[in-house]
PDB file of N, CA and C in Angstrom:
ATOM      1  N   MET A   1      -2.228  11.209 -10.461  1.00  0.00           N
ATOM      2  CA  MET A   1      -1.495  11.086  -9.204  1.00  0.00           C
ATOM      3  C   MET A   1      -2.343  10.296  -8.215  1.00  0.00           C
ATOM      4  N   LEU A   2      -1.712   9.415  -7.484  1.00  0.00           N
ATOM      5  CA  LEU A   2      -2.406   8.606  -6.490  1.00  0.00           C
ATOM      6  C   LEU A   2      -2.658   9.412  -5.230  1.00  0.00           C
ATOM      7  N   ASP A   3      -3.761   9.151  -4.589  1.00  0.00           N
ATOM      8  CA  ASP A   3      -4.080   9.747  -3.298  1.00  0.00           C
ATOM      9  C   ASP A   3      -3.018   9.307  -2.301  1.00  0.00           C
ATOM     10  N   THR A   4      -2.525  10.221  -1.477  1.00  0.00           N
ATOM     11  CA  THR A   4      -1.472   9.877  -0.522  1.00  0.00           C
ATOM     12  C   THR A   4      -1.943   8.846   0.492  1.00  0.00           C
ATOM     13  N   VAL A   5      -3.242   8.770   0.758  1.00  0.00           N
ATOM     14  CA  VAL A   5      -3.756   7.777   1.689  1.00  0.00           C
ATOM     15  C   VAL A   5      -3.590   6.373   1.106  1.00  0.00           C
ATOM     16  N   GLN A   6      -3.662   6.241  -0.192  1.00  0.00           N
ATOM     17  CA  GLN A   6      -3.586   4.951  -0.855  1.00  0.00           C
ATOM     18  C   GLN A   6      -2.247   4.767  -1.568  1.00  0.00           C
ATOM     19  N   ARG A   7      -1.255   5.513  -1.194  1.00  0.00           N
ATOM     20  CA  ARG A   7       0.040   5.481  -1.862  1.00  0.00           C
ATOM     21  C   ARG A   7       0.868   4.301  -1.385  1.00  0.00           C
ATOM     22  N   SER A   8       1.483   3.647  -2.346  1.00  0.00           N
ATOM     23  CA  SER A   8       2.411   2.579  -1.990  1.00  0.00           C
ATOM     24  C   SER A   8       3.791   3.188  -1.786  1.00  0.00           C
ATOM     25  N   VAL A   9       4.529   2.589  -0.878  1.00  0.00           N
ATOM     26  CA  VAL A   9       5.880   3.037  -0.583  1.00  0.00           C
ATOM     27  C   VAL A   9       6.798   1.825  -0.505  1.00  0.00           C
ATOM     28  N   ALA A  10       8.064   2.074  -0.718  1.00  0.00           N
ATOM     29  CA  ALA A  10       9.075   1.039  -0.532  1.00  0.00           C
ATOM     30  C   ALA A  10       9.916   1.440   0.669  1.00  0.00           C
ATOM     31  N   VAL A  11      10.075   0.501   1.588  1.00  0.00           N
ATOM     32  CA  VAL A  11      10.932   0.714   2.752  1.00  0.00           C
ATOM     33  C   VAL A  11      12.201  -0.092   2.536  1.00  0.00           C
ATOM     34  N   GLU A  12      13.339   0.594   2.522  1.00  0.00           N
ATOM     35  CA  GLU A  12      14.624  -0.089   2.470  1.00  0.00           C
ATOM     36  C   GLU A  12      15.162  -0.100   3.899  1.00  0.00           C
ATOM     37  N   THR A  13      15.414  -1.300   4.408  1.00  0.00           N
ATOM     38  CA  THR A  13      15.880  -1.429   5.788  1.00  0.00           C
ATOM     39  C   THR A  13      17.401  -1.347   5.854  1.00  0.00           C
ATOM     40  N   THR A  14      17.902  -1.165   7.050  1.00  0.00           N
ATOM     41  CA  THR A  14      19.349  -1.065   7.244  1.00  0.00           C
ATOM     42  C   THR A  14      20.060  -2.375   6.942  1.00  0.00           C
ATOM     43  N   ASP A  15      19.333  -3.508   6.904  1.00  0.00           N
ATOM     44  CA  ASP A  15      19.962  -4.785   6.543  1.00  0.00           C
ATOM     45  C   ASP A  15      19.813  -5.096   5.053  1.00  0.00           C
ATOM     46  N   GLY A  16      19.343  -4.104   4.249  1.00  0.00           N
ATOM     47  CA  GLY A  16      19.287  -4.255   2.805  1.00  0.00           C
ATOM     48  C   GLY A  16      18.003  -4.820   2.242  1.00  0.00           C
ATOM     49  N   GLU A  17      17.037  -5.148   3.073  1.00  0.00           N
ATOM     50  CA  GLU A  17      15.754  -5.682   2.609  1.00  0.00           C
ATOM     51  C   GLU A  17      14.878  -4.531   2.119  1.00  0.00           C
ATOM     52  N   THR A  18      14.090  -4.770   1.058  1.00  0.00           N
ATOM     53  CA  THR A  18      13.137  -3.779   0.566  1.00  0.00           C
ATOM     54  C   THR A  18      11.745  -4.389   0.610  1.00  0.00           C
ATOM     55  N   ILE A  19      10.829  -3.694   1.273  1.00  0.00           N
ATOM     56  CA  ILE A  19       9.451  -4.142   1.419  1.00  0.00           C
ATOM     57  C   ILE A  19       8.561  -3.055   0.836  1.00  0.00           C
ATOM     58  N   THR A  20       7.612  -3.454  -0.020  1.00  0.00           N
ATOM     59  CA  THR A  20       6.683  -2.508  -0.627  1.00  0.00           C
ATOM     60  C   THR A  20       5.283  -2.789  -0.110  1.00  0.00           C
ATOM     61  N   GLY A  21       4.538  -1.730   0.199  1.00  0.00           N
ATOM     62  CA  GLY A  21       3.175  -1.878   0.669  1.00  0.00           C
ATOM     63  C   GLY A  21       2.492  -0.531   0.776  1.00  0.00           C
ATOM     64  N   LEU A  22       1.262  -0.561   1.261  1.00  0.00           N
ATOM     65  CA  LEU A  22       0.524   0.681   1.495  1.00  0.00           C
ATOM     66  C   LEU A  22       0.948   1.271   2.827  1.00  0.00           C
ATOM     67  N   LEU A  23       1.239   2.543   2.832  1.00  0.00           N
ATOM     68  CA  LEU A  23       1.646   3.235   4.045  1.00  0.00           C
ATOM     69  C   LEU A  23       0.429   3.428   4.944  1.00  0.00           C
ATOM     70  N   LEU A  24       0.438   2.765   6.096  1.00  0.00           N
ATOM     71  CA  LEU A  24      -0.665   2.892   7.055  1.00  0.00           C
ATOM     72  C   LEU A  24      -0.375   3.946   8.105  1.00  0.00           C
ATOM     73  N   LYS A  25       0.894   4.015   8.535  1.00  0.00           N
ATOM     74  CA  LYS A  25       1.254   4.941   9.612  1.00  0.00           C
ATOM     75  C   LYS A  25       2.707   5.342   9.456  1.00  0.00           C
ATOM     76  N   ASP A  26       2.968   6.623   9.602  1.00  0.00           N
ATOM     77  CA  ASP A  26       4.326   7.147   9.549  1.00  0.00           C
ATOM     78  C   ASP A  26       4.467   8.129  10.707  1.00  0.00           C
ATOM     79  N   SER A  27       4.964   7.612  11.815  1.00  0.00           N
ATOM     80  CA  SER A  27       5.143   8.453  12.998  1.00  0.00           C
ATOM     81  C   SER A  27       6.632   8.736  13.169  1.00  0.00           C
ATOM     82  N   GLY A  28       6.942   9.538  14.116  1.00  0.00           N
ATOM     83  CA  GLY A  28       8.342   9.855  14.374  1.00  0.00           C
ATOM     84  C   GLY A  28       9.169   8.644  14.752  1.00  0.00           C
ATOM     85  N   GLY A  29       8.532   7.638  15.346  1.00  0.00           N
ATOM     86  CA  GLY A  29       9.276   6.488  15.833  1.00  0.00           C
ATOM     87  C   GLY A  29       9.190   5.238  14.995  1.00  0.00           C
ATOM     88  N   SER A  30       8.177   5.156  14.108  1.00  0.00           N
ATOM     89  CA  SER A  30       8.017   3.929  13.327  1.00  0.00           C
ATOM     90  C   SER A  30       7.252   4.181  12.033  1.00  0.00           C
ATOM     91  N   VAL A  31       7.312   3.165  11.146  1.00  0.00           N
ATOM     92  CA  VAL A  31       6.593   3.172   9.879  1.00  0.00           C
ATOM     93  C   VAL A  31       5.859   1.835   9.788  1.00  0.00           C
ATOM     94  N   THR A  32       4.560   1.866   9.446  1.00  0.00           N
ATOM     95  CA  THR A  32       3.782   0.636   9.308  1.00  0.00           C
ATOM     96  C   THR A  32       3.219   0.547   7.900  1.00  0.00           C
ATOM     97  N   LEU A  33       3.437  -0.623   7.269  1.00  0.00           N
ATOM     98  CA  LEU A  33       2.935  -0.893   5.924  1.00  0.00           C
ATOM     99  C   LEU A  33       1.940  -2.040   5.954  1.00  0.00           C
ATOM    100  N   ALA A  34       0.974  -2.002   5.052  1.00  0.00           N
ATOM    101  CA  ALA A  34       0.120  -3.159   4.766  1.00  0.00           C
ATOM    102  C   ALA A  34       0.729  -3.812   3.537  1.00  0.00           C
ATOM    103  N   THR A  35       1.127  -5.060   3.665  1.00  0.00           N
ATOM    104  CA  THR A  35       1.781  -5.748   2.551  1.00  0.00           C
ATOM    105  C   THR A  35       0.753  -6.484   1.706  1.00  0.00           C
ATOM    106  N   GLY A  36       1.181  -7.006   0.577  1.00  0.00           N
ATOM    107  CA  GLY A  36       0.299  -7.696  -0.352  1.00  0.00           C
ATOM    108  C   GLY A  36      -0.409  -8.889   0.251  1.00  0.00           C
ATOM    109  N   SER A  37       0.195  -9.505   1.248  1.00  0.00           N
ATOM    110  CA  SER A  37      -0.418 -10.676   1.880  1.00  0.00           C
ATOM    111  C   SER A  37      -1.499 -10.278   2.885  1.00  0.00           C
ATOM    112  N   GLY A  38      -1.684  -8.982   3.096  1.00  0.00           N
ATOM    113  CA  GLY A  38      -2.678  -8.507   4.052  1.00  0.00           C
ATOM    114  C   GLY A  38      -2.110  -8.303   5.441  1.00  0.00           C
ATOM    115  N   ALA A  39      -0.862  -8.699   5.633  1.00  0.00           N
ATOM    116  CA  ALA A  39      -0.219  -8.526   6.934  1.00  0.00           C
ATOM    117  C   ALA A  39       0.265  -7.083   7.081  1.00  0.00           C
ATOM    118  N   GLU A  40       0.473  -6.682   8.321  1.00  0.00           N
ATOM    119  CA  GLU A  40       1.055  -5.375   8.599  1.00  0.00           C
ATOM    120  C   GLU A  40       2.484  -5.575   9.057  1.00  0.00           C
ATOM    121  N   SER A  41       3.372  -4.729   8.542  1.00  0.00           N
ATOM    122  CA  SER A  41       4.777  -4.764   8.938  1.00  0.00           C
ATOM    123  C   SER A  41       5.139  -3.414   9.512  1.00  0.00           C
ATOM    124  N   THR A  42       5.680  -3.419  10.722  1.00  0.00           N
ATOM    125  CA  THR A  42       6.088  -2.176  11.379  1.00  0.00           C
ATOM    126  C   THR A  42       7.599  -2.171  11.546  1.00  0.00           C
ATOM    127  N   PHE A  43       8.201  -1.051  11.214  1.00  0.00           N
ATOM    128  CA  PHE A  43       9.647  -0.882  11.311  1.00  0.00           C
ATOM    129  C   PHE A  43       9.938   0.319  12.195  1.00  0.00           C
ATOM    130  N   ILE A  44      10.816   0.137  13.167  1.00  0.00           N
ATOM    131  CA  ILE A  44      11.232   1.297  13.948  1.00  0.00           C
ATOM    132  C   ILE A  44      12.134   2.144  13.056  1.00  0.00           C
ATOM    133  N   ARG A  45      12.138   3.440  13.275  1.00  0.00           N
ATOM    134  CA  ARG A  45      12.884   4.368  12.416  1.00  0.00           C
ATOM    135  C   ARG A  45      14.356   3.999  12.300  1.00  0.00           C
ATOM    136  N   ALA A  46      14.926   3.455  13.346  1.00  0.00           N
ATOM    137  CA  ALA A  46      16.339   3.077  13.302  1.00  0.00           C
ATOM    138  C   ALA A  46      16.596   1.961  12.283  1.00  0.00           C
ATOM    139  N   GLN A  47      15.558   1.187  11.917  1.00  0.00           N
ATOM    140  CA  GLN A  47      15.684   0.108  10.923  1.00  0.00           C
ATOM    141  C   GLN A  47      15.513   0.615   9.488  1.00  0.00           C
ATOM    142  N   VAL A  48      14.986   1.825   9.311  1.00  0.00           N
ATOM    143  CA  VAL A  48      14.641   2.332   7.979  1.00  0.00           C
ATOM    144  C   VAL A  48      15.783   3.177   7.426  1.00  0.00           C
ATOM    145  N   ARG A  49      16.367   2.669   6.334  1.00  0.00           N
ATOM    146  CA  ARG A  49      17.411   3.426   5.645  1.00  0.00           C
ATOM    147  C   ARG A  49      16.772   4.447   4.711  1.00  0.00           C
ATOM    148  N   LYS A  50      15.705   4.019   4.024  1.00  0.00           N
ATOM    149  CA  LYS A  50      15.087   4.879   3.021  1.00  0.00           C
ATOM    150  C   LYS A  50      13.601   4.543   2.893  1.00  0.00           C
ATOM    151  N   LEU A  51      12.764   5.557   2.749  1.00  0.00           N
ATOM    152  CA  LEU A  51      11.326   5.418   2.539  1.00  0.00           C
ATOM    153  C   LEU A  51      11.007   6.141   1.228  1.00  0.00           C
ATOM    154  N   THR A  52      10.610   5.375   0.205  1.00  0.00           N
ATOM    155  CA  THR A  52      10.421   5.942  -1.127  1.00  0.00           C
ATOM    156  C   THR A  52       8.985   5.779  -1.604  1.00  0.00           C
ATOM    157  N   PRO A  53       8.253   6.888  -1.817  1.00  0.00           N
ATOM    158  CA  PRO A  53       6.908   6.781  -2.390  1.00  0.00           C
ATOM    159  C   PRO A  53       7.002   6.184  -3.793  1.00  0.00           C
ATOM    160  N   GLN A  54       6.082   5.297  -4.132  1.00  0.00           N
ATOM    161  CA  GLN A  54       6.062   4.666  -5.444  1.00  0.00           C
ATOM    162  C   GLN A  54       5.164   5.461  -6.377  1.00  0.00           C
ATOM    163  N   LYS A  55       5.509   5.488  -7.649  1.00  0.00           N
ATOM    164  CA  LYS A  55       4.741   6.257  -8.628  1.00  0.00           C
ATOM    165  C   LYS A  55       3.599   5.450  -9.228  1.00  0.00           C
ATOM    166  N   THR A  56       3.568   4.166  -8.954  1.00  0.00           N
ATOM    167  CA  THR A  56       2.534   3.314  -9.529  1.00  0.00           C
ATOM    168  C   THR A  56       1.680   2.695  -8.440  1.00  0.00           C
ATOM    169  N   SER A  57       0.513   2.253  -8.824  1.00  0.00           N
ATOM    170  CA  SER A  57      -0.407   1.592  -7.914  1.00  0.00           C
ATOM    171  C   SER A  57       0.037   0.151  -7.667  1.00  0.00           C
ATOM    172  N   LEU A  58      -0.390  -0.422  -6.558  1.00  0.00           N
ATOM    173  CA  LEU A  58      -0.148  -1.833  -6.293  1.00  0.00           C
ATOM    174  C   LEU A  58      -1.100  -2.725  -7.081  1.00  0.00           C
ATOM    175  N   MET A  59      -2.164  -2.131  -7.661  1.00  0.00           N
ATOM    176  CA  MET A  59      -3.113  -2.915  -8.445  1.00  0.00           C
ATOM    177  C   MET A  59      -2.437  -3.336  -9.750  1.00  0.00           C
ATOM    178  N   PRO A  60      -2.572  -4.601 -10.113  1.00  0.00           N
ATOM    179  CA  PRO A  60      -1.926  -5.078 -11.337  1.00  0.00           C
ATOM    180  C   PRO A  60      -2.385  -4.329 -12.584  1.00  0.00           C
ATOM    181  N   GLU A  61      -1.438  -4.023 -13.457  1.00  0.00           N
ATOM    182  CA  GLU A  61      -1.725  -3.366 -14.731  1.00  0.00           C
ATOM    183  C   GLU A  61      -2.692  -4.216 -15.548  1.00  0.00           C
ATOM    184  N   GLY A  62      -3.723  -3.609 -16.086  1.00  0.00           N
ATOM    185  CA  GLY A  62      -4.664  -4.308 -16.947  1.00  0.00           C
ATOM    186  C   GLY A  62      -5.743  -5.079 -16.221  1.00  0.00           C
ATOM    187  N   LEU A  63      -5.811  -4.978 -14.893  1.00  0.00           N
ATOM    188  CA  LEU A  63      -6.818  -5.713 -14.132  1.00  0.00           C
ATOM    189  C   LEU A  63      -8.237  -5.400 -14.596  1.00  0.00           C
ATOM    190  N   GLU A  64      -8.473  -4.157 -14.957  1.00  0.00           N
ATOM    191  CA  GLU A  64      -9.820  -3.722 -15.330  1.00  0.00           C
ATOM    192  C   GLU A  64     -10.311  -4.358 -16.625  1.00  0.00           C
ATOM    193  N   VAL A  65      -9.414  -4.863 -17.457  1.00  0.00           N
ATOM    194  CA  VAL A  65      -9.794  -5.439 -18.745  1.00  0.00           C
ATOM    195  C   VAL A  65     -10.758  -6.616 -18.576  1.00  0.00           C
ATOM    196  N   GLY A  66     -10.545  -7.443 -17.560  1.00  0.00           N
ATOM    197  CA  GLY A  66     -11.386  -8.618 -17.361  1.00  0.00           C
ATOM    198  C   GLY A  66     -12.584  -8.402 -16.463  1.00  0.00           C
ATOM    199  N   LEU A  67     -12.843  -7.153 -16.061  1.00  0.00           N
ATOM    200  CA  LEU A  67     -13.941  -6.871 -15.140  1.00  0.00           C
ATOM    201  C   LEU A  67     -15.128  -6.248 -15.866  1.00  0.00           C
ATOM    202  N   SER A  68     -16.322  -6.619 -15.417  1.00  0.00           N
ATOM    203  CA  SER A  68     -17.527  -5.957 -15.924  1.00  0.00           C
ATOM    204  C   SER A  68     -17.633  -4.581 -15.260  1.00  0.00           C
ATOM    205  N   ALA A  69     -18.535  -3.757 -15.767  1.00  0.00           N
ATOM    206  CA  ALA A  69     -18.752  -2.428 -15.175  1.00  0.00           C
ATOM    207  C   ALA A  69     -19.167  -2.560 -13.712  1.00  0.00           C
ATOM    208  N   LYS A  70     -19.999  -3.548 -13.393  1.00  0.00           N
ATOM    209  CA  LYS A  70     -20.454  -3.764 -12.010  1.00  0.00           C
ATOM    210  C   LYS A  70     -19.283  -4.189 -11.118  1.00  0.00           C
ATOM    211  N   GLN A  71     -18.458  -5.088 -11.620  1.00  0.00           N
ATOM    212  CA  GLN A  71     -17.303  -5.532 -10.842  1.00  0.00           C
ATOM    213  C   GLN A  71     -16.339  -4.374 -10.589  1.00  0.00           C
ATOM    214  N   MET A  72     -16.113  -3.538 -11.587  1.00  0.00           N
ATOM    215  CA  MET A  72     -15.230  -2.375 -11.422  1.00  0.00           C
ATOM    216  C   MET A  72     -15.819  -1.411 -10.404  1.00  0.00           C
ATOM    217  N   SER A  73     -17.129  -1.207 -10.485  1.00  0.00           N
ATOM    218  CA  SER A  73     -17.805  -0.337  -9.526  1.00  0.00           C
ATOM    219  C   SER A  73     -17.656  -0.876  -8.105  1.00  0.00           C
ATOM    220  N   ASP A  74     -17.850  -2.189  -7.945  1.00  0.00           N
ATOM    221  CA  ASP A  74     -17.701  -2.818  -6.626  1.00  0.00           C
ATOM    222  C   ASP A  74     -16.270  -2.686  -6.113  1.00  0.00           C
ATOM    223  N   LEU A  75     -15.293  -2.880  -6.997  1.00  0.00           N
ATOM    224  CA  LEU A  75     -13.895  -2.761  -6.611  1.00  0.00           C
ATOM    225  C   LEU A  75     -13.570  -1.349  -6.143  1.00  0.00           C
ATOM    226  N   LEU A  76     -14.010  -0.355  -6.901  1.00  0.00           N
ATOM    227  CA  LEU A  76     -13.749   1.031  -6.529  1.00  0.00           C
ATOM    228  C   LEU A  76     -14.439   1.398  -5.210  1.00  0.00           C
ATOM    229  N   GLU A  77     -15.637   0.894  -5.000  1.00  0.00           N
ATOM    230  CA  GLU A  77     -16.344   1.125  -3.738  1.00  0.00           C
ATOM    231  C   GLU A  77     -15.563   0.521  -2.574  1.00  0.00           C
ATOM    232  N   PHE A  78     -15.088  -0.704  -2.755  1.00  0.00           N
ATOM    233  CA  PHE A  78     -14.312  -1.371  -1.710  1.00  0.00           C
ATOM    234  C   PHE A  78     -13.030  -0.596  -1.399  1.00  0.00           C
ATOM    235  N   LEU A  79     -12.320  -0.170  -2.433  1.00  0.00           N
ATOM    236  CA  LEU A  79     -11.071   0.556  -2.219  1.00  0.00           C
ATOM    237  C   LEU A  79     -11.299   1.896  -1.530  1.00  0.00           C
ATOM    238  N   SER A  80     -12.460   2.485  -1.773  1.00  0.00           N
ATOM    239  CA  SER A  80     -12.800   3.766  -1.135  1.00  0.00           C
ATOM    240  C   SER A  80     -13.246   3.590   0.304  1.00  0.00           C
ATOM    241  N   ASN A  81     -13.868   2.449   0.625  1.00  0.00           N
ATOM    242  CA  ASN A  81     -14.445   2.215   1.949  1.00  0.00           C
ATOM    243  C   ASN A  81     -14.222   0.767   2.403  1.00  0.00           C
ATOM    244  N   PRO A  82     -12.986   0.328   2.591  1.00  0.00           N
ATOM    245  CA  PRO A  82     -12.746  -1.088   2.909  1.00  0.00           C
ATOM    246  C   PRO A  82     -13.379  -1.548   4.220  1.00  0.00           C
ATOM    247  N   GLU A  83     -13.556  -0.654   5.177  1.00  0.00           N
ATOM    248  CA  GLU A  83     -14.126  -1.068   6.449  1.00  0.00           C
ATOM    249  C   GLU A  83     -15.629  -1.320   6.382  1.00  0.00           C
ATOM    250  N   SER A  84     -16.286  -0.894   5.302  1.00  0.00           N
ATOM    251  CA  SER A  84     -17.728  -1.116   5.178  1.00  0.00           C
ATOM    252  C   SER A  84     -18.064  -2.447   4.519  1.00  0.00           C
ATOM    253  N   THR A  85     -17.064  -3.191   4.072  1.00  0.00           N
ATOM    254  CA  THR A  85     -17.285  -4.478   3.410  1.00  0.00           C
ATOM    255  C   THR A  85     -17.462  -5.575   4.459  1.00  0.00           C
ATOM    256  N   PRO A  86     -18.496  -6.432   4.256  1.00  0.00           N
ATOM    257  CA  PRO A  86     -18.721  -7.501   5.244  1.00  0.00           C
ATOM    258  C   PRO A  86     -17.575  -8.495   5.300  1.00  0.00           C
TER     259      PRO A  86
END
């Protein structure tokens, strides 16, 4: 099971658009996602038809196959502490 802090969600908007990203903030008035491009998207609750937690990670399947042990270690460190990376 994925940590809820790092959980991806899909937001279906009232105009039929679906956006998937990491849930950064879910307040009573809005929902903010970090999208794959690194941008943040905020939706007011009135725009959100449905908010669905995803069962899979946003990390591509099989990514670890091409990584050395050091690279995997660095990746996991970054994902655990992104603000500490220069």
